Amino acid sequence: MAKPSNRELHALRNLISEAELILSTTELPEGRATRSRELLRAALALTDDFINQAKLTPAAIMGRKGGSTTAQRGSDYFRQLAAKRKTRAGGRPKSSSD
């Protein structure tokens, strides 16, 4: 399934909003209009969230996680990386065949 475009998301939001407006002027038995309006408000909130997420690039989404992952590694890890770059000894360590 393809990712919906921003235009499609706005169209969906407008359709849901219009349905909610129609139900707000209608009275149905057993409180069905009230429950339907609640569900449509939830659908509007989800659609708004999808629209906001569509504005973010995948790199921006991953960037939020990067700082916490980097902090878990600690400063020793980065010292070792810097030392490997200085001696051109990067990459996977050689396996010891005993």
PDB file of N, CA and C in Angstrom:
ATOM      1  N   MET A   1       0.843  -1.177   0.000  1.00  0.00           N
ATOM      2  CA  MET A   1       0.000   0.000   0.000  1.00  0.00           C
ATOM      3  C   MET A   1       0.885   1.236   0.000  1.00  0.00           C
ATOM      4  N   ALA A   2       0.592   2.141  -0.898  1.00  0.00           N
ATOM      5  CA  ALA A   2       1.393   3.354  -1.022  1.00  0.00           C
ATOM      6  C   ALA A   2       1.044   4.336   0.093  1.00  0.00           C
ATOM      7  N   LYS A   3       2.033   5.128   0.435  1.00  0.00           N
ATOM      8  CA  LYS A   3       1.828   6.152   1.457  1.00  0.00           C
ATOM      9  C   LYS A   3       0.931   7.249   0.887  1.00  0.00           C
ATOM     10  N   PRO A   4      -0.149   7.616   1.603  1.00  0.00           N
ATOM     11  CA  PRO A   4      -1.046   8.653   1.069  1.00  0.00           C
ATOM     12  C   PRO A   4      -0.348  10.008   1.041  1.00  0.00           C
ATOM     13  N   SER A   5      -0.694  10.778   0.018  1.00  0.00           N
ATOM     14  CA  SER A   5      -0.092  12.105  -0.097  1.00  0.00           C
ATOM     15  C   SER A   5      -0.759  13.058   0.897  1.00  0.00           C
ATOM     16  N   ASN A   6      -0.129  14.177   1.089  1.00  0.00           N
ATOM     17  CA  ASN A   6      -0.654  15.196   1.999  1.00  0.00           C
ATOM     18  C   ASN A   6      -2.012  15.692   1.506  1.00  0.00           C
ATOM     19  N   ARG A   7      -2.154  15.792   0.209  1.00  0.00           N
ATOM     20  CA  ARG A   7      -3.417  16.235  -0.383  1.00  0.00           C
ATOM     21  C   ARG A   7      -4.539  15.238  -0.078  1.00  0.00           C
ATOM     22  N   GLU A   8      -4.236  13.954  -0.189  1.00  0.00           N
ATOM     23  CA  GLU A   8      -5.226  12.915   0.106  1.00  0.00           C
ATOM     24  C   GLU A   8      -5.614  12.928   1.576  1.00  0.00           C
ATOM     25  N   LEU A   9      -4.649  13.147   2.448  1.00  0.00           N
ATOM     26  CA  LEU A   9      -4.947  13.212   3.878  1.00  0.00           C
ATOM     27  C   LEU A   9      -5.851  14.395   4.205  1.00  0.00           C
ATOM     28  N   HIS A  10      -5.601  15.531   3.562  1.00  0.00           N
ATOM     29  CA  HIS A  10      -6.460  16.697   3.786  1.00  0.00           C
ATOM     30  C   HIS A  10      -7.870  16.433   3.249  1.00  0.00           C
ATOM     31  N   ALA A  11      -7.970  15.731   2.115  1.00  0.00           N
ATOM     32  CA  ALA A  11      -9.286  15.395   1.570  1.00  0.00           C
ATOM     33  C   ALA A  11     -10.037  14.472   2.524  1.00  0.00           C
ATOM     34  N   LEU A  12      -9.332  13.487   3.082  1.00  0.00           N
ATOM     35  CA  LEU A  12      -9.951  12.578   4.053  1.00  0.00           C
ATOM     36  C   LEU A  12     -10.423  13.351   5.279  1.00  0.00           C
ATOM     37  N   ARG A  13      -9.593  14.265   5.747  1.00  0.00           N
ATOM     38  CA  ARG A  13      -9.970  15.068   6.918  1.00  0.00           C
ATOM     39  C   ARG A  13     -11.221  15.890   6.635  1.00  0.00           C
ATOM     40  N   ASN A  14     -11.295  16.462   5.445  1.00  0.00           N
ATOM     41  CA  ASN A  14     -12.473  17.256   5.087  1.00  0.00           C
ATOM     42  C   ASN A  14     -13.729  16.395   5.017  1.00  0.00           C
ATOM     43  N   LEU A  15     -13.615  15.178   4.491  1.00  0.00           N
ATOM     44  CA  LEU A  15     -14.770  14.282   4.429  1.00  0.00           C
ATOM     45  C   LEU A  15     -15.261  13.910   5.828  1.00  0.00           C
ATOM     46  N   ILE A  16     -14.341  13.590   6.701  1.00  0.00           N
ATOM     47  CA  ILE A  16     -14.708  13.226   8.071  1.00  0.00           C
ATOM     48  C   ILE A  16     -15.340  14.427   8.785  1.00  0.00           C
ATOM     49  N   SER A  17     -14.760  15.588   8.570  1.00  0.00           N
ATOM     50  CA  SER A  17     -15.287  16.805   9.196  1.00  0.00           C
ATOM     51  C   SER A  17     -16.706  17.097   8.712  1.00  0.00           C
ATOM     52  N   GLU A  18     -16.940  16.903   7.421  1.00  0.00           N
ATOM     53  CA  GLU A  18     -18.276  17.141   6.883  1.00  0.00           C
ATOM     54  C   GLU A  18     -19.281  16.134   7.438  1.00  0.00           C
ATOM     55  N   ALA A  19     -18.902  14.876   7.548  1.00  0.00           N
ATOM     56  CA  ALA A  19     -19.797  13.865   8.119  1.00  0.00           C
ATOM     57  C   ALA A  19     -20.124  14.196   9.575  1.00  0.00           C
ATOM     58  N   GLU A  20     -19.133  14.680  10.318  1.00  0.00           N
ATOM     59  CA  GLU A  20     -19.358  15.060  11.719  1.00  0.00           C
ATOM     60  C   GLU A  20     -20.323  16.241  11.804  1.00  0.00           C
ATOM     61  N   LEU A  21     -20.204  17.176  10.869  1.00  0.00           N
ATOM     62  CA  LEU A  21     -21.099  18.334  10.837  1.00  0.00           C
ATOM     63  C   LEU A  21     -22.533  17.895  10.525  1.00  0.00           C
ATOM     64  N   ILE A  22     -22.709  16.981   9.596  1.00  0.00           N
ATOM     65  CA  ILE A  22     -24.045  16.485   9.255  1.00  0.00           C
ATOM     66  C   ILE A  22     -24.671  15.785  10.451  1.00  0.00           C
ATOM     67  N   LEU A  23     -23.883  14.961  11.148  1.00  0.00           N
ATOM     68  CA  LEU A  23     -24.417  14.246  12.309  1.00  0.00           C
ATOM     69  C   LEU A  23     -24.739  15.185  13.471  1.00  0.00           C
ATOM     70  N   SER A  24     -24.057  16.313  13.544  1.00  0.00           N
ATOM     71  CA  SER A  24     -24.330  17.237  14.653  1.00  0.00           C
ATOM     72  C   SER A  24     -25.704  17.888  14.516  1.00  0.00           C
ATOM     73  N   THR A  25     -26.265  17.877  13.304  1.00  0.00           N
ATOM     74  CA  THR A  25     -27.588  18.459  13.091  1.00  0.00           C
ATOM     75  C   THR A  25     -28.683  17.398  13.019  1.00  0.00           C
ATOM     76  N   THR A  26     -28.323  16.143  13.265  1.00  0.00           N
ATOM     77  CA  THR A  26     -29.274  15.040  13.142  1.00  0.00           C
ATOM     78  C   THR A  26     -29.486  14.391  14.496  1.00  0.00           C
ATOM     79  N   GLU A  27     -30.688  13.946  14.737  1.00  0.00           N
ATOM     80  CA  GLU A  27     -30.991  13.215  15.975  1.00  0.00           C
ATOM     81  C   GLU A  27     -31.370  11.788  15.598  1.00  0.00           C
ATOM     82  N   LEU A  28     -30.597  10.826  16.076  1.00  0.00           N
ATOM     83  CA  LEU A  28     -30.863   9.416  15.815  1.00  0.00           C
ATOM     84  C   LEU A  28     -31.287   8.735  17.110  1.00  0.00           C
ATOM     85  N   PRO A  29     -32.048   7.636  17.007  1.00  0.00           N
ATOM     86  CA  PRO A  29     -32.495   6.945  18.230  1.00  0.00           C
ATOM     87  C   PRO A  29     -31.335   6.300  18.978  1.00  0.00           C
ATOM     88  N   GLU A  30     -31.541   6.116  20.267  1.00  0.00           N
ATOM     89  CA  GLU A  30     -30.618   5.404  21.154  1.00  0.00           C
ATOM     90  C   GLU A  30     -29.232   6.045  21.223  1.00  0.00           C
ATOM     91  N   GLY A  31     -29.147   7.317  21.037  1.00  0.00           N
ATOM     92  CA  GLY A  31     -27.866   8.012  21.179  1.00  0.00           C
ATOM     93  C   GLY A  31     -26.839   7.653  20.127  1.00  0.00           C
ATOM     94  N   ARG A  32     -27.268   7.182  18.980  1.00  0.00           N
ATOM     95  CA  ARG A  32     -26.319   6.763  17.947  1.00  0.00           C
ATOM     96  C   ARG A  32     -25.586   7.942  17.325  1.00  0.00           C
ATOM     97  N   ALA A  33     -26.256   9.065  17.203  1.00  0.00           N
ATOM     98  CA  ALA A  33     -25.603  10.242  16.622  1.00  0.00           C
ATOM     99  C   ALA A  33     -24.469  10.718  17.523  1.00  0.00           C
ATOM    100  N   THR A  34     -24.695  10.671  18.820  1.00  0.00           N
ATOM    101  CA  THR A  34     -23.662  11.097  19.767  1.00  0.00           C
ATOM    102  C   THR A  34     -22.432  10.210  19.655  1.00  0.00           C
ATOM    103  N   ARG A  35     -22.644   8.903  19.641  1.00  0.00           N
ATOM    104  CA  ARG A  35     -21.516   7.972  19.535  1.00  0.00           C
ATOM    105  C   ARG A  35     -20.811   8.115  18.187  1.00  0.00           C
ATOM    106  N   SER A  36     -21.583   8.319  17.146  1.00  0.00           N
ATOM    107  CA  SER A  36     -20.988   8.506  15.812  1.00  0.00           C
ATOM    108  C   SER A  36     -20.123   9.757  15.771  1.00  0.00           C
ATOM    109  N   ARG A  37     -20.594  10.824  16.411  1.00  0.00           N
ATOM    110  CA  ARG A  37     -19.790  12.053  16.461  1.00  0.00           C
ATOM    111  C   ARG A  37     -18.501  11.832  17.246  1.00  0.00           C
ATOM    112  N   GLU A  38     -18.569  11.063  18.324  1.00  0.00           N
ATOM    113  CA  GLU A  38     -17.355  10.752  19.093  1.00  0.00           C
ATOM    114  C   GLU A  38     -16.352  10.002  18.225  1.00  0.00           C
ATOM    115  N   LEU A  39     -16.834   9.019  17.480  1.00  0.00           N
ATOM    116  CA  LEU A  39     -15.947   8.240  16.614  1.00  0.00           C
ATOM    117  C   LEU A  39     -15.359   9.109  15.508  1.00  0.00           C
ATOM    118  N   LEU A  40     -16.162   9.994  14.957  1.00  0.00           N
ATOM    119  CA  LEU A  40     -15.652  10.870  13.907  1.00  0.00           C
ATOM    120  C   LEU A  40     -14.634  11.876  14.454  1.00  0.00           C
ATOM    121  N   ARG A  41     -14.818  12.332  15.690  1.00  0.00           N
ATOM    122  CA  ARG A  41     -13.814  13.215  16.307  1.00  0.00           C
ATOM    123  C   ARG A  41     -12.493  12.472  16.506  1.00  0.00           C
ATOM    124  N   ALA A  42     -12.582  11.201  16.884  1.00  0.00           N
ATOM    125  CA  ALA A  42     -11.362  10.396  17.028  1.00  0.00           C
ATOM    126  C   ALA A  42     -10.689  10.211  15.667  1.00  0.00           C
ATOM    127  N   ALA A  43     -11.499   9.987  14.624  1.00  0.00           N
ATOM    128  CA  ALA A  43     -10.944   9.852  13.275  1.00  0.00           C
ATOM    129  C   ALA A  43     -10.288  11.160  12.826  1.00  0.00           C
ATOM    130  N   LEU A  44     -10.879  12.287  13.190  1.00  0.00           N
ATOM    131  CA  LEU A  44     -10.275  13.586  12.867  1.00  0.00           C
ATOM    132  C   LEU A  44      -8.925  13.751  13.565  1.00  0.00           C
ATOM    133  N   ALA A  45      -8.871  13.347  14.817  1.00  0.00           N
ATOM    134  CA  ALA A  45      -7.610  13.457  15.560  1.00  0.00           C
ATOM    135  C   ALA A  45      -6.534  12.576  14.923  1.00  0.00           C
ATOM    136  N   LEU A  46      -6.905  11.368  14.532  1.00  0.00           N
ATOM    137  CA  LEU A  46      -5.942  10.482  13.872  1.00  0.00           C
ATOM    138  C   LEU A  46      -5.478  11.067  12.540  1.00  0.00           C
ATOM    139  N   THR A  47      -6.400  11.606  11.782  1.00  0.00           N
ATOM    140  CA  THR A  47      -6.045  12.195  10.496  1.00  0.00           C
ATOM    141  C   THR A  47      -5.114  13.387  10.688  1.00  0.00           C
ATOM    142  N   ASP A  48      -5.390  14.212  11.682  1.00  0.00           N
ATOM    143  CA  ASP A  48      -4.497  15.342  11.970  1.00  0.00           C
ATOM    144  C   ASP A  48      -3.096  14.855  12.341  1.00  0.00           C
ATOM    145  N   ASP A  49      -3.045  13.769  13.106  1.00  0.00           N
ATOM    146  CA  ASP A  49      -1.753  13.202  13.481  1.00  0.00           C
ATOM    147  C   ASP A  49      -1.011  12.683  12.252  1.00  0.00           C
ATOM    148  N   PHE A  50      -1.719  12.014  11.349  1.00  0.00           N
ATOM    149  CA  PHE A  50      -1.087  11.529  10.113  1.00  0.00           C
ATOM    150  C   PHE A  50      -0.580  12.688   9.266  1.00  0.00           C
ATOM    151  N   ILE A  51      -1.334  13.780   9.220  1.00  0.00           N
ATOM    152  CA  ILE A  51      -0.904  14.945   8.451  1.00  0.00           C
ATOM    153  C   ILE A  51       0.375  15.528   9.057  1.00  0.00           C
ATOM    154  N   ASN A  52       0.431  15.605  10.384  1.00  0.00           N
ATOM    155  CA  ASN A  52       1.639  16.129  11.041  1.00  0.00           C
ATOM    156  C   ASN A  52       2.827  15.204  10.830  1.00  0.00           C
ATOM    157  N   GLN A  53       2.606  13.896  10.846  1.00  0.00           N
ATOM    158  CA  GLN A  53       3.700  12.956  10.626  1.00  0.00           C
ATOM    159  C   GLN A  53       4.183  12.982   9.182  1.00  0.00           C
ATOM    160  N   ALA A  54       3.277  13.279   8.252  1.00  0.00           N
ATOM    161  CA  ALA A  54       3.652  13.328   6.846  1.00  0.00           C
ATOM    162  C   ALA A  54       4.620  14.480   6.575  1.00  0.00           C
ATOM    163  N   LYS A  55       4.597  15.498   7.422  1.00  0.00           N
ATOM    164  CA  LYS A  55       5.496  16.642   7.254  1.00  0.00           C
ATOM    165  C   LYS A  55       6.925  16.292   7.634  1.00  0.00           C
ATOM    166  N   LEU A  56       7.100  15.266   8.478  1.00  0.00           N
ATOM    167  CA  LEU A  56       8.428  14.894   8.926  1.00  0.00           C
ATOM    168  C   LEU A  56       9.080  13.931   7.942  1.00  0.00           C
ATOM    169  N   THR A  57      10.359  14.106   7.734  1.00  0.00           N
ATOM    170  CA  THR A  57      11.099  13.172   6.893  1.00  0.00           C
ATOM    171  C   THR A  57      11.506  11.965   7.740  1.00  0.00           C
ATOM    172  N   PRO A  58      11.779  10.829   7.106  1.00  0.00           N
ATOM    173  CA  PRO A  58      12.228   9.662   7.883  1.00  0.00           C
ATOM    174  C   PRO A  58      13.495   9.952   8.689  1.00  0.00           C
ATOM    175  N   ALA A  59      14.384  10.780   8.152  1.00  0.00           N
ATOM    176  CA  ALA A  59      15.605  11.111   8.881  1.00  0.00           C
ATOM    177  C   ALA A  59      15.291  11.883  10.159  1.00  0.00           C
ATOM    178  N   ALA A  60      14.297  12.759  10.098  1.00  0.00           N
ATOM    179  CA  ALA A  60      13.921  13.528  11.286  1.00  0.00           C
ATOM    180  C   ALA A  60      13.319  12.621  12.345  1.00  0.00           C
ATOM    181  N   ILE A  61      12.552  11.632  11.907  1.00  0.00           N
ATOM    182  CA  ILE A  61      11.961  10.686  12.854  1.00  0.00           C
ATOM    183  C   ILE A  61      13.048   9.860  13.524  1.00  0.00           C
ATOM    184  N   MET A  62      14.018   9.383  12.741  1.00  0.00           N
ATOM    185  CA  MET A  62      15.112   8.599  13.315  1.00  0.00           C
ATOM    186  C   MET A  62      16.020   9.457  14.174  1.00  0.00           C
ATOM    187  N   GLY A  63      16.142  10.737  13.842  1.00  0.00           N
ATOM    188  CA  GLY A  63      17.008  11.632  14.597  1.00  0.00           C
ATOM    189  C   GLY A  63      16.568  11.796  16.038  1.00  0.00           C
ATOM    190  N   ARG A  64      15.281  11.650  16.284  1.00  0.00           N
ATOM    191  CA  ARG A  64      14.784  11.750  17.658  1.00  0.00           C
ATOM    192  C   ARG A  64      15.360  10.643  18.529  1.00  0.00           C
ATOM    193  N   LYS A  65      15.578   9.489  17.944  1.00  0.00           N
ATOM    194  CA  LYS A  65      16.070   8.341  18.690  1.00  0.00           C
ATOM    195  C   LYS A  65      17.588   8.366  18.836  1.00  0.00           C
ATOM    196  N   GLY A  66      18.273   9.020  17.917  1.00  0.00           N
ATOM    197  CA  GLY A  66      19.725   8.959  17.856  1.00  0.00           C
ATOM    198  C   GLY A  66      20.447   9.400  19.109  1.00  0.00           C
ATOM    199  N   GLY A  67      19.992  10.449  19.743  1.00  0.00           N
ATOM    200  CA  GLY A  67      20.678  10.943  20.927  1.00  0.00           C
ATOM    201  C   GLY A  67      20.677   9.953  22.066  1.00  0.00           C
ATOM    202  N   SER A  68      19.571   9.261  22.266  1.00  0.00           N
ATOM    203  CA  SER A  68      19.500   8.299  23.366  1.00  0.00           C
ATOM    204  C   SER A  68      20.368   7.083  23.084  1.00  0.00           C
ATOM    205  N   THR A  69      20.416   6.652  21.830  1.00  0.00           N
ATOM    206  CA  THR A  69      21.254   5.507  21.474  1.00  0.00           C
ATOM    207  C   THR A  69      22.726   5.863  21.624  1.00  0.00           C
ATOM    208  N   THR A  70      23.080   7.067  21.220  1.00  0.00           N
ATOM    209  CA  THR A  70      24.458   7.520  21.346  1.00  0.00           C
ATOM    210  C   THR A  70      24.860   7.594  22.813  1.00  0.00           C
ATOM    211  N   ALA A  71      23.986   8.070  23.658  1.00  0.00           N
ATOM    212  CA  ALA A  71      24.292   8.195  25.078  1.00  0.00           C
ATOM    213  C   ALA A  71      24.498   6.830  25.724  1.00  0.00           C
ATOM    214  N   GLN A  72      23.819   5.811  25.248  1.00  0.00           N
ATOM    215  CA  GLN A  72      23.973   4.473  25.825  1.00  0.00           C
ATOM    216  C   GLN A  72      25.353   3.890  25.545  1.00  0.00           C
ATOM    217  N   ARG A  73      25.952   4.277  24.442  1.00  0.00           N
ATOM    218  CA  ARG A  73      27.257   3.711  24.080  1.00  0.00           C
ATOM    219  C   ARG A  73      28.376   4.233  24.971  1.00  0.00           C
ATOM    220  N   GLY A  74      28.267   5.433  25.416  1.00  0.00           N
ATOM    221  CA  GLY A  74      29.264   5.973  26.327  1.00  0.00           C
ATOM    222  C   GLY A  74      30.452   6.589  25.615  1.00  0.00           C
ATOM    223  N   SER A  75      31.251   7.314  26.367  1.00  0.00           N
ATOM    224  CA  SER A  75      32.377   8.033  25.777  1.00  0.00           C
ATOM    225  C   SER A  75      33.530   7.112  25.391  1.00  0.00           C
ATOM    226  N   ASP A  76      33.687   5.988  26.091  1.00  0.00           N
ATOM    227  CA  ASP A  76      34.768   5.058  25.736  1.00  0.00           C
ATOM    228  C   ASP A  76      34.619   4.526  24.319  1.00  0.00           C
ATOM    229  N   TYR A  77      33.408   4.256  23.922  1.00  0.00           N
ATOM    230  CA  TYR A  77      33.129   3.750  22.577  1.00  0.00           C
ATOM    231  C   TYR A  77      33.634   4.734  21.531  1.00  0.00           C
ATOM    232  N   PHE A  78      33.376   6.020  21.748  1.00  0.00           N
ATOM    233  CA  PHE A  78      33.774   7.021  20.769  1.00  0.00           C
ATOM    234  C   PHE A  78      35.277   7.288  20.811  1.00  0.00           C
ATOM    235  N   ARG A  79      35.894   7.107  21.971  1.00  0.00           N
ATOM    236  CA  ARG A  79      37.360   7.197  22.035  1.00  0.00           C
ATOM    237  C   ARG A  79      37.999   6.095  21.206  1.00  0.00           C
ATOM    238  N   GLN A  80      37.447   4.900  21.313  1.00  0.00           N
ATOM    239  CA  GLN A  80      37.967   3.777  20.520  1.00  0.00           C
ATOM    240  C   GLN A  80      37.800   4.024  19.025  1.00  0.00           C
ATOM    241  N   LEU A  81      36.663   4.568  18.632  1.00  0.00           N
ATOM    242  CA  LEU A  81      36.453   4.878  17.216  1.00  0.00           C
ATOM    243  C   LEU A  81      37.464   5.906  16.729  1.00  0.00           C
ATOM    244  N   ALA A  82      37.686   6.940  17.523  1.00  0.00           N
ATOM    245  CA  ALA A  82      38.645   7.975  17.132  1.00  0.00           C
ATOM    246  C   ALA A  82      40.045   7.390  17.025  1.00  0.00           C
ATOM    247  N   ALA A  83      40.411   6.504  17.934  1.00  0.00           N
ATOM    248  CA  ALA A  83      41.733   5.882  17.885  1.00  0.00           C
ATOM    249  C   ALA A  83      41.879   5.021  16.637  1.00  0.00           C
ATOM    250  N   LYS A  84      40.829   4.317  16.262  1.00  0.00           N
ATOM    251  CA  LYS A  84      40.890   3.491  15.045  1.00  0.00           C
ATOM    252  C   LYS A  84      41.044   4.358  13.804  1.00  0.00           C
ATOM    253  N   ARG A  85      40.414   5.512  13.801  1.00  0.00           N
ATOM    254  CA  ARG A  85      40.536   6.392  12.637  1.00  0.00           C
ATOM    255  C   ARG A  85      41.950   6.932  12.527  1.00  0.00           C
ATOM    256  N   LYS A  86      42.580   7.204  13.658  1.00  0.00           N
ATOM    257  CA  LYS A  86      43.921   7.773  13.627  1.00  0.00           C
ATOM    258  C   LYS A  86      44.945   6.756  13.129  1.00  0.00           C
ATOM    259  N   THR A  87      44.753   5.489  13.467  1.00  0.00           N
ATOM    260  CA  THR A  87      45.726   4.466  13.059  1.00  0.00           C
ATOM    261  C   THR A  87      45.265   3.718  11.810  1.00  0.00           C
ATOM    262  N   ARG A  88      44.161   4.148  11.228  1.00  0.00           N
ATOM    263  CA  ARG A  88      43.572   3.497  10.063  1.00  0.00           C
ATOM    264  C   ARG A  88      43.303   2.014  10.329  1.00  0.00           C
ATOM    265  N   ALA A  89      42.880   1.749  11.551  1.00  0.00           N
ATOM    266  CA  ALA A  89      42.625   0.365  11.933  1.00  0.00           C
ATOM    267  C   ALA A  89      41.127   0.133  12.118  1.00  0.00           C
ATOM    268  N   GLY A  90      40.327   0.782  11.305  1.00  0.00           N
ATOM    269  CA  GLY A  90      38.886   0.637  11.440  1.00  0.00           C
ATOM    270  C   GLY A  90      38.412  -0.708  10.913  1.00  0.00           C
ATOM    271  N   GLY A  91      37.164  -0.963  11.067  1.00  0.00           N
ATOM    272  CA  GLY A  91      36.587  -2.195  10.552  1.00  0.00           C
ATOM    273  C   GLY A  91      36.484  -3.265  11.632  1.00  0.00           C
ATOM    274  N   ARG A  92      36.149  -4.434  11.195  1.00  0.00           N
ATOM    275  CA  ARG A  92      35.953  -5.547  12.099  1.00  0.00           C
ATOM    276  C   ARG A  92      37.312  -6.082  12.571  1.00  0.00           C
ATOM    277  N   PRO A  93      37.456  -6.372  13.847  1.00  0.00           N
ATOM    278  CA  PRO A  93      38.736  -6.911  14.316  1.00  0.00           C
ATOM    279  C   PRO A  93      39.002  -8.299  13.731  1.00  0.00           C
ATOM    280  N   LYS A  94      40.264  -8.592  13.552  1.00  0.00           N
ATOM    281  CA  LYS A  94      40.640  -9.904  12.999  1.00  0.00           C
ATOM    282  C   LYS A  94      40.311 -10.973  14.011  1.00  0.00           C
ATOM    283  N   SER A  95      39.813 -12.070  13.491  1.00  0.00           N
ATOM    284  CA  SER A  95      39.468 -13.162  14.390  1.00  0.00           C
ATOM    285  C   SER A  95      40.744 -13.915  14.765  1.00  0.00           C
ATOM    286  N   SER A  96      40.801 -14.312  16.019  1.00  0.00           N
ATOM    287  CA  SER A  96      41.978 -15.062  16.459  1.00  0.00           C
ATOM    288  C   SER A  96      41.695 -16.542  16.252  1.00  0.00           C
ATOM    289  N   SER A  97      42.515 -17.185  15.450  1.00  0.00           N
ATOM    290  CA  SER A  97      42.318 -18.627  15.192  1.00  0.00           C
ATOM    291  C   SER A  97      43.220 -19.409  16.103  1.00  0.00           C
ATOM    292  N   ASP A  98      42.646 -19.943  17.147  1.00  0.00           N
ATOM    293  CA  ASP A  98      43.418 -20.711  18.136  1.00  0.00           C
ATOM    294  C   ASP A  98      43.272 -22.174  17.896  1.00  0.00           C
TER     295      ASP A  98
END
